[in-house]
Amino acid sequence: MDILITIQHPAHVHFFKHAIDEFEACGHEVYVRALDKDVSLSLLKEYDIEHEVIGSPGESLPALALSTLTIEYRLYREARRIEPDVITTVGGFYAAHVARLVGTDCVVFTDTEHATLSNALTFPFADEVATPECYRDDTGANQYRYPSYHELAYLHPDRFDPDPSALDGLPVGPHDSYAVVRLVSWGAAHDVGDEGIEDLSALIDRLERAGATVLVSAEDDALPSELHGYALDVAPHLIHHVLAYADLFVGESGTMAAESAVLGTPTVYVHSAEPGLMQDLETHGLLFGYHGERRNERAVNRADDILRSTDVDWEERRQRLLEEKVDATDVVVRRVLTAASEVRTRERRVPATDPQRS
């Protein structure tokens, strides 16, 4: 099979990396086309995943509109050349549009209900929208629900084993008490108008008084200059090891909050939106979400309680969660190959003699 994968975000590299290995081990051809966003390209290089860059998202609204047209055109040209049996992506409307244009199937994976604009531009054109069972919205007849999370495509214990050497060079070791704080830049389309941590200095002070060393991971310029001494300096591909050994995660990033929770690290999530994923993690007692008024005060109090408590077995809670969930990579491989096989069976690809292919 010829499989075309698009990458729009660093988390998508993690999501697909094991599936790519399995596709290639079975003899399938994988073509990765990526946007230059955050550390996506660094991760692709670190994992030795062959790829080509098809653009980068614009910063302003006019630039975003122009970059979208450019990216879709470049992806369309690539798809015409590759003639894939299937295109797959995480929430990417580029892939869904291009798949429809070239006459192949598109399998979209998503777990973000509040990405309303992207979802509206994607779902009508996708052949399948695969979502975790906890996803609250109904995407239509093309929806496929499965018992897992995106994060369990790369953090399931069958896929990930924390390495204490990843903390070498940091001011903490695997047996030290430390907390990771994550700040976002609020530049993503689904973050516009949302809010997170209101008083970072007060949060850090409270965590330190509870006995934890504080490490702050921040997007772009989200960390104030006077707090640069708290900056977490670690290679992007090692961040999950740091989260696994932490005593606490507090942050505005939904992806990193979910990653911490499935690793068994108690998580305090501060954000205006509360997707079904977060609600599901809350039912397992691994994540505590705070939104709206007084969110900062309530989040700080919860973080303090977690660091001072000694009677909670977080690993036991994680094991109960894992008993209910499957390895999401297995789902990715099965759904993508099923779609590719169906395309070949239906012979939906445009004939090679079609003048449009010349």
Protein backbone atom coordinates (compact mmCIF):
# COMPACT_ATOMS: atom_id res chain seq x y z
CA MET A 1 0.00 0.00 0.00
CA ASP A 2 1.00 3.63 -0.50
CA ILE A 3 0.17 5.65 2.63
CA LEU A 4 0.38 9.44 2.79
CA ILE A 5 0.54 10.97 6.29
CA THR A 6 0.36 14.69 7.09
CA ILE A 7 1.88 16.21 10.22
CA GLN A 8 0.61 19.57 11.48
CA HIS A 9 1.81 19.52 15.11
CA PRO A 10 4.61 17.91 17.17
CA ALA A 11 2.09 15.63 18.92
CA HIS A 12 1.21 14.14 15.52
CA VAL A 13 4.79 12.91 15.13
CA HIS A 14 4.45 10.94 18.36
CA PHE A 15 0.97 9.74 17.38
CA PHE A 16 2.10 8.23 14.06
CA LYS A 17 5.71 7.20 14.74
CA HIS A 18 5.03 3.61 15.84
CA ALA A 19 2.40 3.12 13.13
CA ILE A 20 4.95 4.24 10.54
CA ASP A 21 7.37 1.61 11.82
CA GLU A 22 4.68 -1.07 11.55
CA PHE A 23 3.57 0.01 8.08
CA GLU A 24 7.14 -0.12 6.79
CA ALA A 25 7.87 -3.44 8.52
CA CYS A 26 4.95 -4.91 6.54
CA GLY A 27 6.34 -3.60 3.26
CA HIS A 28 4.03 -0.60 2.79
CA GLU A 29 5.37 2.68 1.40
CA VAL A 30 4.91 5.64 3.76
CA TYR A 31 5.12 9.26 2.63
CA VAL A 32 5.21 11.91 5.37
CA ARG A 33 4.46 15.53 4.53
CA ALA A 34 4.88 17.99 7.39
CA LEU A 35 4.30 21.59 8.35
CA ASP A 36 7.18 23.50 9.91
CA LYS A 37 5.53 24.16 13.27
CA ASP A 38 7.19 24.30 16.69
CA VAL A 39 9.48 21.25 17.05
CA SER A 40 7.74 18.98 14.54
CA LEU A 41 10.68 18.83 12.15
CA SER A 42 13.17 18.27 14.97
CA LEU A 43 11.14 15.30 16.18
CA LEU A 44 10.87 13.81 12.69
CA LYS A 45 14.64 14.03 12.34
CA GLU A 46 15.22 12.62 15.83
CA TYR A 47 13.06 9.58 15.03
CA ASP A 48 14.68 9.22 11.59
CA ILE A 49 11.35 9.57 9.78
CA GLU A 50 11.78 10.55 6.13
CA HIS A 51 9.64 13.56 5.33
CA GLU A 52 9.20 16.61 3.15
CA VAL A 53 8.06 20.04 4.28
CA ILE A 54 5.02 21.50 2.53
CA GLY A 55 4.82 24.82 4.34
CA SER A 56 4.21 26.51 7.66
CA PRO A 57 1.05 28.00 9.15
CA GLY A 58 0.72 31.78 9.02
CA GLU A 59 0.80 33.90 12.15
CA SER A 60 -1.89 36.46 11.27
CA LEU A 61 -5.35 35.75 9.84
CA PRO A 62 -4.45 36.92 6.29
CA ALA A 63 -1.16 34.98 6.45
CA LEU A 64 -3.02 31.91 7.69
CA ALA A 65 -5.45 32.08 4.75
CA LEU A 66 -2.60 32.40 2.26
CA SER A 67 -0.54 29.62 3.86
CA THR A 68 -3.58 27.32 3.85
CA LEU A 69 -4.00 27.72 0.10
CA THR A 70 -0.28 27.16 -0.46
CA ILE A 71 -0.16 24.06 1.75
CA GLU A 72 -3.23 22.49 0.14
CA TYR A 73 -1.84 23.10 -3.33
CA ARG A 74 1.54 21.57 -2.46
CA LEU A 75 -0.12 18.59 -0.80
CA TYR A 76 -2.38 18.14 -3.83
CA ARG A 77 0.66 18.04 -6.14
CA GLU A 78 2.33 15.50 -3.88
CA ALA A 79 -0.78 13.32 -3.76
CA ARG A 80 -1.10 13.44 -7.55
CA ARG A 81 2.50 12.26 -7.83
CA ILE A 82 2.34 9.58 -5.11
CA GLU A 83 -1.15 8.24 -5.95
CA PRO A 84 -1.71 7.05 -2.35
CA ASP A 85 -4.14 4.30 -1.45
CA VAL A 86 -5.05 6.29 1.65
CA ILE A 87 -4.28 9.64 3.27
CA THR A 88 -4.35 9.93 7.05
CA THR A 89 -3.94 12.80 9.47
CA VAL A 90 -4.81 14.16 12.89
CA GLY A 91 -7.55 16.73 12.48
CA GLY A 92 -6.10 18.09 9.23
CA PHE A 93 -8.53 19.56 6.73
CA TYR A 94 -5.71 19.82 4.16
CA ALA A 95 -5.58 16.04 3.90
CA ALA A 96 -9.35 15.58 3.75
CA HIS A 97 -9.73 18.12 0.95
CA VAL A 98 -6.86 16.72 -1.08
CA ALA A 99 -8.03 13.13 -0.69
CA ARG A 100 -11.40 14.08 -2.14
CA LEU A 101 -9.71 15.85 -5.07
CA VAL A 102 -7.47 12.92 -6.00
CA GLY A 103 -10.12 10.22 -5.43
CA THR A 104 -8.72 8.32 -2.48
CA ASP A 105 -9.92 7.77 1.10
CA CYS A 106 -8.96 9.89 4.08
CA VAL A 107 -8.91 8.62 7.67
CA VAL A 108 -8.94 11.49 10.16
CA PHE A 109 -8.10 11.00 13.83
CA THR A 110 -9.26 13.66 16.27
CA ASP A 111 -9.94 14.17 19.97
CA THR A 112 -10.51 17.94 20.13
CA GLU A 113 -14.16 19.00 20.17
CA HIS A 114 -13.38 22.71 20.59
CA ALA A 115 -11.39 22.86 17.33
CA THR A 116 -14.72 23.83 15.80
CA LEU A 117 -13.51 25.59 12.65
CA SER A 118 -10.99 22.89 11.74
CA ASN A 119 -13.58 20.16 12.41
CA ALA A 120 -16.18 21.89 10.25
CA LEU A 121 -13.69 22.08 7.38
CA THR A 122 -12.61 18.47 7.81
CA PHE A 123 -15.42 16.11 8.73
CA PRO A 124 -17.64 16.53 5.62
CA PHE A 125 -14.72 15.53 3.38
CA ALA A 126 -13.31 12.64 5.46
CA ASP A 127 -14.24 9.04 4.71
CA GLU A 128 -13.71 8.10 8.35
CA VAL A 129 -13.37 10.19 11.51
CA ALA A 130 -11.83 8.05 14.23
CA THR A 131 -12.34 9.35 17.77
CA PRO A 132 -11.79 8.07 21.29
CA GLU A 133 -14.99 6.82 22.95
CA CYS A 134 -14.83 9.79 25.32
CA TYR A 135 -15.17 12.24 22.42
CA ARG A 136 -18.46 14.01 23.14
CA ASP A 137 -19.54 15.08 19.65
CA ASP A 138 -21.23 13.07 16.92
CA THR A 139 -19.32 13.53 13.66
CA GLY A 140 -21.87 11.66 11.59
CA ALA A 141 -22.15 8.30 9.88
CA ASN A 142 -18.41 8.26 9.16
CA GLN A 143 -17.44 8.22 12.86
CA TYR A 144 -15.50 5.29 14.33
CA ARG A 145 -15.12 5.21 18.11
CA TYR A 146 -12.41 3.25 19.91
CA PRO A 147 -11.50 2.73 23.61
CA SER A 148 -8.26 4.67 23.89
CA TYR A 149 -6.63 8.10 23.73
CA HIS A 150 -4.24 9.62 21.19
CA GLU A 151 -1.58 9.68 23.89
CA LEU A 152 -1.74 5.90 24.22
CA ALA A 153 -0.40 5.54 20.68
CA TYR A 154 3.03 6.37 22.10
CA LEU A 155 2.74 6.26 25.92
CA HIS A 156 1.04 2.90 26.33
CA PRO A 157 3.38 0.68 28.41
CA ASP A 158 3.84 -1.56 25.37
CA ARG A 159 5.32 1.46 23.56
CA PHE A 160 7.08 3.51 26.23
CA ASP A 161 9.40 2.81 29.15
CA PRO A 162 10.67 5.84 31.13
CA ASP A 163 14.43 6.28 31.11
CA PRO A 164 15.94 8.04 34.17
CA SER A 165 19.00 9.07 32.12
CA ALA A 166 16.74 11.52 30.26
CA LEU A 167 16.94 13.71 33.38
CA ASP A 168 20.73 13.98 33.15
CA GLY A 169 21.67 17.65 33.04
CA LEU A 170 18.47 18.77 34.78
CA PRO A 171 18.43 20.08 38.37
CA VAL A 172 16.35 17.05 39.41
CA GLY A 173 16.68 13.28 39.44
CA PRO A 174 14.05 10.53 39.16
CA HIS A 175 13.70 10.30 42.96
CA ASP A 176 13.49 14.05 43.62
CA SER A 177 10.25 15.90 44.20
CA TYR A 178 9.57 18.15 41.24
CA ALA A 179 6.66 19.68 39.34
CA VAL A 180 6.42 20.51 35.64
CA VAL A 181 4.44 23.62 34.68
CA ARG A 182 3.42 24.06 31.03
CA LEU A 183 2.44 27.38 29.45
CA VAL A 184 1.01 27.78 25.94
CA SER A 185 1.21 30.79 23.64
CA TRP A 186 -2.57 30.82 22.94
CA GLY A 187 -1.84 31.23 19.23
CA ALA A 188 -3.59 28.05 18.04
CA ALA A 189 -6.96 28.54 16.36
CA HIS A 190 -8.75 26.44 18.98
CA ASP A 191 -7.15 28.47 21.81
CA VAL A 192 -8.33 31.91 20.70
CA GLY A 193 -10.28 33.54 23.53
CA ASP A 194 -9.29 30.87 26.05
CA GLU A 195 -7.48 31.48 29.32
CA GLY A 196 -5.18 29.57 31.62
CA ILE A 197 -2.90 30.27 34.58
CA GLU A 198 -3.42 33.81 35.87
CA ASP A 199 -0.55 34.22 38.37
CA LEU A 200 2.48 32.12 37.50
CA SER A 201 4.66 33.58 40.27
CA ALA A 202 2.11 32.69 42.94
CA LEU A 203 1.84 29.15 41.56
CA ILE A 204 5.60 28.64 41.58
CA ASP A 205 5.90 30.02 45.10
CA ARG A 206 3.20 27.66 46.39
CA LEU A 207 4.77 24.61 44.71
CA GLU A 208 8.17 25.44 46.14
CA ARG A 209 6.74 25.88 49.64
CA ALA A 210 5.23 22.40 49.26
CA GLY A 211 8.75 21.05 48.72
CA ALA A 212 8.92 20.70 44.91
CA THR A 213 11.52 21.93 42.45
CA VAL A 214 9.66 23.72 39.65
CA LEU A 215 10.46 23.30 35.95
CA VAL A 216 8.56 25.48 33.48
CA SER A 217 8.06 24.46 29.84
CA ALA A 218 6.76 27.37 27.76
CA GLU A 219 5.76 27.93 24.15
CA ASP A 220 7.32 30.90 22.35
CA ASP A 221 7.59 33.85 24.79
CA ALA A 222 4.99 32.59 27.28
CA LEU A 223 7.52 32.58 30.15
CA PRO A 224 8.16 36.07 31.62
CA SER A 225 11.81 37.12 31.52
CA GLU A 226 12.05 37.39 35.30
CA LEU A 227 11.21 33.67 35.57
CA HIS A 228 13.64 32.35 32.95
CA GLY A 229 15.61 30.65 35.71
CA TYR A 230 12.78 28.09 35.95
CA ALA A 231 12.89 27.20 32.25
CA LEU A 232 12.93 23.48 31.48
CA ASP A 233 15.82 22.89 29.10
CA VAL A 234 15.41 19.42 27.62
CA ALA A 235 15.40 17.96 24.11
CA PRO A 236 11.81 17.69 22.80
CA HIS A 237 11.99 13.91 22.37
CA LEU A 238 12.85 13.49 26.07
CA ILE A 239 9.94 15.44 27.56
CA HIS A 240 7.79 12.35 28.23
CA HIS A 241 10.50 10.85 30.42
CA VAL A 242 10.57 14.08 32.43
CA LEU A 243 6.79 13.96 32.84
CA ALA A 244 6.86 10.30 33.88
CA TYR A 245 9.14 10.94 36.87
CA ALA A 246 7.44 14.18 37.98
CA ASP A 247 5.35 14.34 41.15
CA LEU A 248 2.96 16.83 39.57
CA PHE A 249 2.02 18.47 36.29
CA VAL A 250 0.25 21.82 36.15
CA GLY A 251 -0.47 23.34 32.79
CA GLU A 252 -2.52 24.93 30.04
CA SER A 253 -1.63 22.41 27.32
CA GLY A 254 -4.28 19.75 26.78
CA THR A 255 -1.84 17.42 25.03
CA MET A 256 0.79 17.55 27.77
CA ALA A 257 -1.86 17.33 30.49
CA ALA A 258 -3.23 14.12 28.96
CA GLU A 259 0.29 12.75 28.49
CA SER A 260 1.10 13.33 32.15
CA ALA A 261 -2.13 11.75 33.32
CA VAL A 262 -1.75 8.54 31.30
CA LEU A 263 1.80 8.27 32.64
CA GLY A 264 0.38 8.25 36.17
CA THR A 265 1.56 11.75 37.06
CA PRO A 266 -1.19 13.68 38.90
CA THR A 267 -2.29 16.49 36.63
CA VAL A 268 -3.86 19.90 37.20
CA TYR A 269 -5.27 21.28 33.95
CA VAL A 270 -6.04 25.03 33.73
CA HIS A 271 -7.91 26.01 30.57
CA SER A 272 -11.24 27.44 29.47
CA ALA A 273 -12.19 24.35 27.45
CA GLU A 274 -12.78 20.88 28.87
CA PRO A 275 -12.86 18.25 26.10
CA GLY A 276 -14.30 14.80 26.67
CA LEU A 277 -10.75 13.47 26.99
CA MET A 278 -10.15 15.59 30.08
CA GLN A 279 -13.48 14.62 31.59
CA ASP A 280 -12.64 10.95 31.07
CA LEU A 281 -9.25 11.35 32.75
CA GLU A 282 -10.99 13.10 35.64
CA THR A 283 -13.21 10.07 36.20
CA HIS A 284 -10.05 8.02 36.73
CA GLY A 285 -8.76 10.47 39.34
CA LEU A 286 -5.62 11.30 37.37
CA LEU A 287 -6.53 14.79 36.18
CA PHE A 288 -8.20 17.76 37.86
CA GLY A 289 -9.54 20.47 35.57
CA TYR A 290 -10.13 24.09 36.56
CA HIS A 291 -11.93 26.60 34.37
CA GLY A 292 -13.74 29.91 34.69
CA GLU A 293 -13.64 32.22 37.70
CA ARG A 294 -11.22 31.48 40.53
CA ARG A 295 -9.60 28.77 38.39
CA ASN A 296 -6.09 29.87 39.41
CA GLU A 297 -6.85 29.83 43.14
CA ARG A 298 -8.55 26.43 42.96
CA ALA A 299 -5.81 24.96 40.77
CA VAL A 300 -3.06 26.15 43.12
CA ASN A 301 -4.86 24.68 46.11
CA ARG A 302 -5.25 21.33 44.38
CA ALA A 303 -1.60 21.30 43.31
CA ASP A 304 -0.54 22.01 46.88
CA ASP A 305 -2.76 19.21 48.20
CA ILE A 306 -1.31 16.71 45.71
CA LEU A 307 2.28 17.50 46.62
CA ARG A 308 1.56 17.21 50.35
CA SER A 309 -0.57 14.05 50.17
CA THR A 310 0.98 10.65 50.87
CA ASP A 311 -2.03 8.35 50.77
CA VAL A 312 -2.86 8.29 47.04
CA ASP A 313 -1.54 5.48 44.83
CA TRP A 314 -1.34 7.21 41.47
CA GLU A 315 0.13 4.15 39.74
CA GLU A 316 -2.85 2.07 40.85
CA ARG A 317 -5.18 4.62 39.30
CA ARG A 318 -3.14 4.49 36.09
CA GLN A 319 -3.35 0.69 35.97
CA ARG A 320 -7.13 0.81 36.30
CA LEU A 321 -7.26 3.23 33.37
CA LEU A 322 -5.01 1.01 31.25
CA GLU A 323 -7.25 -1.98 31.88
CA GLU A 324 -10.02 -0.13 30.03
CA LYS A 325 -7.94 1.20 27.13
CA VAL A 326 -6.14 -0.33 24.16
CA ASP A 327 -2.89 0.54 22.46
CA ALA A 328 -3.99 3.32 20.09
CA THR A 329 -1.26 2.51 17.56
CA ASP A 330 -3.01 -0.81 16.92
CA VAL A 331 -6.16 1.16 16.11
CA VAL A 332 -4.29 3.49 13.75
CA VAL A 333 -2.70 0.64 11.83
CA ARG A 334 -5.95 -1.31 11.52
CA ARG A 335 -8.13 1.63 10.42
CA VAL A 336 -5.61 2.99 7.89
CA LEU A 337 -4.92 -0.39 6.28
CA THR A 338 -8.61 -1.22 6.18
CA ALA A 339 -9.32 2.03 4.33
CA ALA A 340 -6.44 1.43 1.91
CA SER A 341 -7.62 -2.09 1.16
CA GLU A 342 -11.15 -0.87 0.50
CA VAL A 343 -9.86 1.74 -1.94
CA ARG A 344 -8.01 -0.90 -3.90
CA THR A 345 -11.02 -3.18 -3.85
CA ARG A 346 -13.28 -0.46 -5.22
CA GLU A 347 -10.62 0.71 -7.68
CA ARG A 348 -11.46 4.29 -6.79
CA ARG A 349 -8.15 5.74 -7.87
CA VAL A 350 -8.15 7.84 -11.04
CA PRO A 351 -6.86 5.73 -13.98
CA ALA A 352 -3.26 6.36 -14.89
CA THR A 353 -4.33 7.28 -18.45
CA ASP A 354 -6.51 10.15 -17.19
CA PRO A 355 -5.20 13.41 -18.75
CA GLN A 356 -5.36 15.07 -15.33
CA ARG A 357 -2.48 12.86 -14.19
CA SER A 358 -0.14 13.99 -16.96
